[in-house]
PDB file of N, CA and C in Angstrom:
ATOM      1  N   MET A   1     -80.819 -83.220-127.389  1.00  0.00           N
ATOM      2  CA  MET A   1     -80.833 -84.208-128.456  1.00  0.00           C
ATOM      3  C   MET A   1     -79.875 -83.918-129.564  1.00  0.00           C
ATOM      4  N   PRO A   2     -78.992 -84.914-129.962  1.00  0.00           N
ATOM      5  CA  PRO A   2     -78.048 -84.597-131.077  1.00  0.00           C
ATOM      6  C   PRO A   2     -78.791 -84.386-132.410  1.00  0.00           C
ATOM      7  N   ASP A   3     -78.063 -83.610-133.236  1.00  0.00           N
ATOM      8  CA  ASP A   3     -78.476 -83.347-134.465  1.00  0.00           C
ATOM      9  C   ASP A   3     -78.348 -84.468-135.431  1.00  0.00           C
ATOM     10  N   PRO A   4     -79.381 -84.992-136.140  1.00  0.00           N
ATOM     11  CA  PRO A   4     -79.313 -86.128-137.067  1.00  0.00           C
ATOM     12  C   PRO A   4     -78.200 -85.952-138.097  1.00  0.00           C
ATOM     13  N   ALA A   5     -78.094 -84.826-138.610  1.00  0.00           N
ATOM     14  CA  ALA A   5     -77.066 -84.616-139.686  1.00  0.00           C
ATOM     15  C   ALA A   5     -75.644 -84.813-139.132  1.00  0.00           C
ATOM     16  N   GLN A   6     -75.320 -84.373-137.985  1.00  0.00           N
ATOM     17  CA  GLN A   6     -74.094 -84.543-137.334  1.00  0.00           C
ATOM     18  C   GLN A   6     -73.828 -86.056-137.124  1.00  0.00           C
ATOM     19  N   LEU A   7     -74.859 -86.793-136.622  1.00  0.00           N
ATOM     20  CA  LEU A   7     -74.586 -88.210-136.386  1.00  0.00           C
ATOM     21  C   LEU A   7     -74.431 -88.917-137.669  1.00  0.00           C
ATOM     22  N   ARG A   8     -75.073 -88.611-138.694  1.00  0.00           N
ATOM     23  CA  ARG A   8     -74.910 -89.184-140.039  1.00  0.00           C
ATOM     24  C   ARG A   8     -73.417 -88.963-140.519  1.00  0.00           C
ATOM     25  N   ASP A   9     -72.966 -87.695-140.402  1.00  0.00           N
ATOM     26  CA  ASP A   9     -71.637 -87.324-140.891  1.00  0.00           C
ATOM     27  C   ASP A   9     -70.563 -88.193-140.163  1.00  0.00           C
ATOM     28  N   SER A  10     -70.849 -88.509-138.924  1.00  0.00           N
ATOM     29  CA  SER A  10     -69.836 -89.247-138.062  1.00  0.00           C
ATOM     30  C   SER A  10     -69.963 -90.805-138.305  1.00  0.00           C
ATOM     31  N   THR A  11     -70.916 -91.192-139.002  1.00  0.00           N
ATOM     32  CA  THR A  11     -71.090 -92.652-139.152  1.00  0.00           C
ATOM     33  C   THR A  11     -71.069 -93.107-140.686  1.00  0.00           C
ATOM     34  N   GLN A  12     -70.869 -92.170-141.546  1.00  0.00           N
ATOM     35  CA  GLN A  12     -70.831 -92.560-143.021  1.00  0.00           C
ATOM     36  C   GLN A  12     -69.938 -91.637-143.817  1.00  0.00           C
ATOM     37  N   ILE A  13     -69.457 -92.149-144.894  1.00  0.00           N
ATOM     38  CA  ILE A  13     -68.755 -91.389-145.907  1.00  0.00           C
ATOM     39  C   ILE A  13     -69.404 -91.652-147.236  1.00  0.00           C
ATOM     40  N   VAL A  14     -69.800 -90.657-147.930  1.00  0.00           N
ATOM     41  CA  VAL A  14     -70.374 -90.797-149.298  1.00  0.00           C
ATOM     42  C   VAL A  14     -69.453 -90.193-150.252  1.00  0.00           C
ATOM     43  N   MET A  15     -69.046 -91.092-151.225  1.00  0.00           N
ATOM     44  CA  MET A  15     -68.082 -90.595-152.207  1.00  0.00           C
ATOM     45  C   MET A  15     -68.324 -91.201-153.536  1.00  0.00           C
ATOM     46  N   GLU A  16     -67.654 -90.648-154.534  1.00  0.00           N
ATOM     47  CA  GLU A  16     -67.832 -91.308-155.916  1.00  0.00           C
ATOM     48  C   GLU A  16     -67.269 -92.661-155.961  1.00  0.00           C
ATOM     49  N   ARG A  17     -67.965 -93.530-156.628  1.00  0.00           N
ATOM     50  CA  ARG A  17     -67.561 -94.979-156.736  1.00  0.00           C
ATOM     51  C   ARG A  17     -66.267 -95.101-157.439  1.00  0.00           C
ATOM     52  N   ASP A  18     -66.039 -94.249-158.487  1.00  0.00           N
ATOM     53  CA  ASP A  18     -64.816 -94.284-159.233  1.00  0.00           C
ATOM     54  C   ASP A  18     -63.570 -93.950-158.426  1.00  0.00           C
ATOM     55  N   ALA A  19     -63.799 -93.024-157.499  1.00  0.00           N
ATOM     56  CA  ALA A  19     -62.740 -92.596-156.599  1.00  0.00           C
ATOM     57  C   ALA A  19     -62.325 -93.694-155.681  1.00  0.00           C
ATOM     58  N   LEU A  20     -63.261 -94.483-155.227  1.00  0.00           N
ATOM     59  CA  LEU A  20     -62.994 -95.578-154.260  1.00  0.00           C
ATOM     60  C   LEU A  20     -62.494 -96.868-155.015  1.00  0.00           C
ATOM     61  N   ALA A  21     -62.621 -96.900-156.252  1.00  0.00           N
ATOM     62  CA  ALA A  21     -62.231 -98.175-157.097  1.00  0.00           C
ATOM     63  C   ALA A  21     -60.774 -98.454-156.817  1.00  0.00           C
ATOM     64  N   GLY A  22     -60.474 -99.639-156.533  1.00  0.00           N
ATOM     65  CA  GLY A  22     -59.127-100.107-156.227  1.00  0.00           C
ATOM     66  C   GLY A  22     -58.844-100.107-154.785  1.00  0.00           C
ATOM     67  N   LEU A  23     -59.539 -99.297-153.981  1.00  0.00           N
ATOM     68  CA  LEU A  23     -59.362 -99.274-152.505  1.00  0.00           C
ATOM     69  C   LEU A  23     -60.491 -99.918-151.807  1.00  0.00           C
ATOM     70  N   ASP A  24     -61.621-100.161-152.489  1.00  0.00           N
ATOM     71  CA  ASP A  24     -62.793-100.726-151.830  1.00  0.00           C
ATOM     72  C   ASP A  24     -62.493-102.018-151.117  1.00  0.00           C
ATOM     73  N   ALA A  25     -61.774-102.925-151.771  1.00  0.00           N
ATOM     74  CA  ALA A  25     -61.477-104.229-151.105  1.00  0.00           C
ATOM     75  C   ALA A  25     -60.600-104.041-149.852  1.00  0.00           C
ATOM     76  N   ALA A  26     -59.661-103.140-149.961  1.00  0.00           N
ATOM     77  CA  ALA A  26     -58.713-102.855-148.866  1.00  0.00           C
ATOM     78  C   ALA A  26     -59.564-102.282-147.687  1.00  0.00           C
ATOM     79  N   VAL A  27     -60.429-101.374-147.950  1.00  0.00           N
ATOM     80  CA  VAL A  27     -61.281-100.750-146.933  1.00  0.00           C
ATOM     81  C   VAL A  27     -62.126-101.809-146.248  1.00  0.00           C
ATOM     82  N   ASP A  28     -62.787-102.627-147.071  1.00  0.00           N
ATOM     83  CA  ASP A  28     -63.704-103.611-146.572  1.00  0.00           C
ATOM     84  C   ASP A  28     -62.938-104.704-145.748  1.00  0.00           C
ATOM     85  N   GLU A  29     -61.709-105.070-146.155  1.00  0.00           N
ATOM     86  CA  GLU A  29     -60.963-106.076-145.331  1.00  0.00           C
ATOM     87  C   GLU A  29     -60.286-105.439-144.048  1.00  0.00           C
ATOM     88  N   ARG A  30     -59.894-104.232-144.072  1.00  0.00           N
ATOM     89  CA  ARG A  30     -59.192-103.629-142.953  1.00  0.00           C
ATOM     90  C   ARG A  30     -60.110-103.097-141.911  1.00  0.00           C
ATOM     91  N   PHE A  31     -61.312-102.661-142.274  1.00  0.00           N
ATOM     92  CA  PHE A  31     -62.210-102.041-141.346  1.00  0.00           C
ATOM     93  C   PHE A  31     -63.548-102.747-141.244  1.00  0.00           C
ATOM     94  N   MET A  32     -64.212-102.624-140.120  1.00  0.00           N
ATOM     95  CA  MET A  32     -65.573-103.216-140.042  1.00  0.00           C
ATOM     96  C   MET A  32     -66.588-102.138-140.515  1.00  0.00           C
ATOM     97  N   VAL A  33     -66.817-102.184-141.782  1.00  0.00           N
ATOM     98  CA  VAL A  33     -67.729-101.161-142.424  1.00  0.00           C
ATOM     99  C   VAL A  33     -68.567-101.924-143.439  1.00  0.00           C
ATOM    100  N   THR A  34     -69.632-101.222-143.955  1.00  0.00           N
ATOM    101  CA  THR A  34     -70.400-101.700-145.011  1.00  0.00           C
ATOM    102  C   THR A  34     -70.226-100.674-146.054  1.00  0.00           C
ATOM    103  N   ILE A  35     -70.050-101.191-147.305  1.00  0.00           N
ATOM    104  CA  ILE A  35     -69.928-100.389-148.496  1.00  0.00           C
ATOM    105  C   ILE A  35     -71.106-100.639-149.295  1.00  0.00           C
ATOM    106  N   ALA A  36     -72.006 -99.631-149.528  1.00  0.00           N
ATOM    107  CA  ALA A  36     -73.240 -99.883-150.293  1.00  0.00           C
ATOM    108  C   ALA A  36     -73.429 -98.875-151.388  1.00  0.00           C
ATOM    109  N   PRO A  37     -73.934 -99.194-152.498  1.00  0.00           N
ATOM    110  CA  PRO A  37     -74.186 -98.227-153.538  1.00  0.00           C
ATOM    111  C   PRO A  37     -75.242 -97.210-153.244  1.00  0.00           C
ATOM    112  N   VAL A  38     -75.025 -95.949-153.572  1.00  0.00           N
ATOM    113  CA  VAL A  38     -76.136 -94.994-153.340  1.00  0.00           C
ATOM    114  C   VAL A  38     -76.890 -94.867-154.704  1.00  0.00           C
ATOM    115  N   ASN A  39     -76.155 -94.786-155.752  1.00  0.00           N
ATOM    116  CA  ASN A  39     -76.686 -94.775-157.105  1.00  0.00           C
ATOM    117  C   ASN A  39     -75.484 -95.182-158.055  1.00  0.00           C
ATOM    118  N   GLU A  40     -75.659 -94.899-159.233  1.00  0.00           N
ATOM    119  CA  GLU A  40     -74.638 -95.451-160.219  1.00  0.00           C
ATOM    120  C   GLU A  40     -73.270 -94.636-159.969  1.00  0.00           C
ATOM    121  N   GLU A  41     -73.356 -93.420-159.469  1.00  0.00           N
ATOM    122  CA  GLU A  41     -72.110 -92.618-159.293  1.00  0.00           C
ATOM    123  C   GLU A  41     -71.535 -92.635-157.911  1.00  0.00           C
ATOM    124  N   TYR A  42     -72.355 -92.889-156.896  1.00  0.00           N
ATOM    125  CA  TYR A  42     -71.830 -92.746-155.510  1.00  0.00           C
ATOM    126  C   TYR A  42     -72.053 -94.054-154.742  1.00  0.00           C
ATOM    127  N   CYS A  43     -71.146 -94.198-153.724  1.00  0.00           N
ATOM    128  CA  CYS A  43     -71.320 -95.227-152.699  1.00  0.00           C
ATOM    129  C   CYS A  43     -71.271 -94.725-151.285  1.00  0.00           C
ATOM    130  N   ARG A  44     -71.670 -95.452-150.367  1.00  0.00           N
ATOM    131  CA  ARG A  44     -71.764 -95.054-148.999  1.00  0.00           C
ATOM    132  C   ARG A  44     -70.945 -96.023-148.120  1.00  0.00           C
ATOM    133  N   ILE A  45     -70.000 -95.560-147.325  1.00  0.00           N
ATOM    134  CA  ILE A  45     -69.229 -96.358-146.385  1.00  0.00           C
ATOM    135  C   ILE A  45     -69.782 -96.089-145.090  1.00  0.00           C
ATOM    136  N   VAL A  46     -70.336 -97.126-144.361  1.00  0.00           N
ATOM    137  CA  VAL A  46     -70.997 -96.964-143.058  1.00  0.00           C
ATOM    138  C   VAL A  46     -70.305 -97.672-141.971  1.00  0.00           C
ATOM    139  N   GLY A  47     -70.093 -97.113-140.906  1.00  0.00           N
ATOM    140  CA  GLY A  47     -69.494 -97.805-139.771  1.00  0.00           C
ATOM    141  C   GLY A  47     -69.618 -96.938-138.465  1.00  0.00           C
ATOM    142  N   SER A  48     -69.037 -97.368-137.427  1.00  0.00           N
ATOM    143  CA  SER A  48     -69.126 -96.543-136.180  1.00  0.00           C
ATOM    144  C   SER A  48     -68.305 -95.330-136.334  1.00  0.00           C
ATOM    145  N   PRO A  49     -68.521 -94.304-135.469  1.00  0.00           N
ATOM    146  CA  PRO A  49     -67.832 -93.075-135.609  1.00  0.00           C
ATOM    147  C   PRO A  49     -66.277 -93.270-135.590  1.00  0.00           C
ATOM    148  N   ALA A  50     -65.795 -94.119-134.662  1.00  0.00           N
ATOM    149  CA  ALA A  50     -64.315 -94.374-134.546  1.00  0.00           C
ATOM    150  C   ALA A  50     -63.764 -95.041-135.827  1.00  0.00           C
ATOM    151  N   VAL A  51     -64.468 -95.977-136.286  1.00  0.00           N
ATOM    152  CA  VAL A  51     -63.993 -96.627-137.525  1.00  0.00           C
ATOM    153  C   VAL A  51     -64.101 -95.743-138.746  1.00  0.00           C
ATOM    154  N   ILE A  52     -65.156 -94.878-138.844  1.00  0.00           N
ATOM    155  CA  ILE A  52     -65.237 -93.928-140.002  1.00  0.00           C
ATOM    156  C   ILE A  52     -64.022 -92.910-139.937  1.00  0.00           C
ATOM    157  N   LYS A  53     -63.620 -92.558-138.655  1.00  0.00           N
ATOM    158  CA  LYS A  53     -62.477 -91.707-138.558  1.00  0.00           C
ATOM    159  C   LYS A  53     -61.203 -92.455-139.109  1.00  0.00           C
ATOM    160  N   ASP A  54     -61.001 -93.641-138.748  1.00  0.00           N
ATOM    161  CA  ASP A  54     -59.847 -94.449-139.226  1.00  0.00           C
ATOM    162  C   ASP A  54     -59.923 -94.642-140.680  1.00  0.00           C
ATOM    163  N   VAL A  55     -61.088 -94.876-141.355  1.00  0.00           N
ATOM    164  CA  VAL A  55     -61.203 -94.978-142.764  1.00  0.00           C
ATOM    165  C   VAL A  55     -60.911 -93.732-143.444  1.00  0.00           C
ATOM    166  N   THR A  56     -61.304 -92.584-142.860  1.00  0.00           N
ATOM    167  CA  THR A  56     -61.103 -91.302-143.379  1.00  0.00           C
ATOM    168  C   THR A  56     -59.497 -91.043-143.484  1.00  0.00           C
ATOM    169  N   GLY A  57     -58.892 -91.404-142.484  1.00  0.00           N
ATOM    170  CA  GLY A  57     -57.392 -91.329-142.401  1.00  0.00           C
ATOM    171  C   GLY A  57     -56.721 -92.236-143.446  1.00  0.00           C
ATOM    172  N   PHE A  58     -57.215 -93.424-143.597  1.00  0.00           N
ATOM    173  CA  PHE A  58     -56.653 -94.403-144.530  1.00  0.00           C
ATOM    174  C   PHE A  58     -56.908 -93.816-145.962  1.00  0.00           C
ATOM    175  N   LEU A  59     -58.082 -93.294-146.253  1.00  0.00           N
ATOM    176  CA  LEU A  59     -58.320 -92.810-147.608  1.00  0.00           C
ATOM    177  C   LEU A  59     -57.449 -91.601-147.807  1.00  0.00           C
ATOM    178  N   ALA A  60     -57.186 -90.779-146.919  1.00  0.00           N
ATOM    179  CA  ALA A  60     -56.378 -89.652-147.050  1.00  0.00           C
ATOM    180  C   ALA A  60     -54.895 -90.048-147.321  1.00  0.00           C
ATOM    181  N   ARG A  61     -54.418 -91.036-146.630  1.00  0.00           N
ATOM    182  CA  ARG A  61     -53.069 -91.493-146.838  1.00  0.00           C
ATOM    183  C   ARG A  61     -52.892 -92.094-148.229  1.00  0.00           C
ATOM    184  N   ASN A  62     -54.042 -92.479-148.867  1.00  0.00           N
ATOM    185  CA  ASN A  62     -53.992 -93.058-150.214  1.00  0.00           C
ATOM    186  C   ASN A  62     -54.489 -92.056-151.269  1.00  0.00           C
ATOM    187  N   GLY A  63     -54.479 -90.723-150.919  1.00  0.00           N
ATOM    188  CA  GLY A  63     -54.728 -89.684-151.799  1.00  0.00           C
ATOM    189  C   GLY A  63     -56.169 -89.328-152.059  1.00  0.00           C
ATOM    190  N   LEU A  64     -57.078 -89.864-151.233  1.00  0.00           N
ATOM    191  CA  LEU A  64     -58.509 -89.424-151.349  1.00  0.00           C
ATOM    192  C   LEU A  64     -58.886 -88.489-150.267  1.00  0.00           C
ATOM    193  N   ALA A  65     -59.166 -87.287-150.617  1.00  0.00           N
ATOM    194  CA  ALA A  65     -59.695 -86.312-149.552  1.00  0.00           C
ATOM    195  C   ALA A  65     -61.111 -86.558-149.293  1.00  0.00           C
ATOM    196  N   VAL A  66     -61.525 -86.587-148.069  1.00  0.00           N
ATOM    197  CA  VAL A  66     -62.838 -86.780-147.580  1.00  0.00           C
ATOM    198  C   VAL A  66     -63.300 -85.614-146.811  1.00  0.00           C
ATOM    199  N   ASP A  67     -64.403 -84.951-147.226  1.00  0.00           N
ATOM    200  CA  ASP A  67     -64.890 -83.760-146.487  1.00  0.00           C
ATOM    201  C   ASP A  67     -65.566 -84.065-145.248  1.00  0.00           C
TER     202      ASP A  67
END
């Protein structure tokens, strides 16, 4: 049975809302994801593992490192 933490990591990105500011519209338009607030500081980008991998690459090309 897969580890739930590993599945979560492959289907979401949690990052500071300020870091995503300015790119959130581009991410939402280019990729089939949901961007939802976690709290006042963080947001969550949720999608399929393949899409999350593509979003991670897009963010990296735009100067945002995702762990």
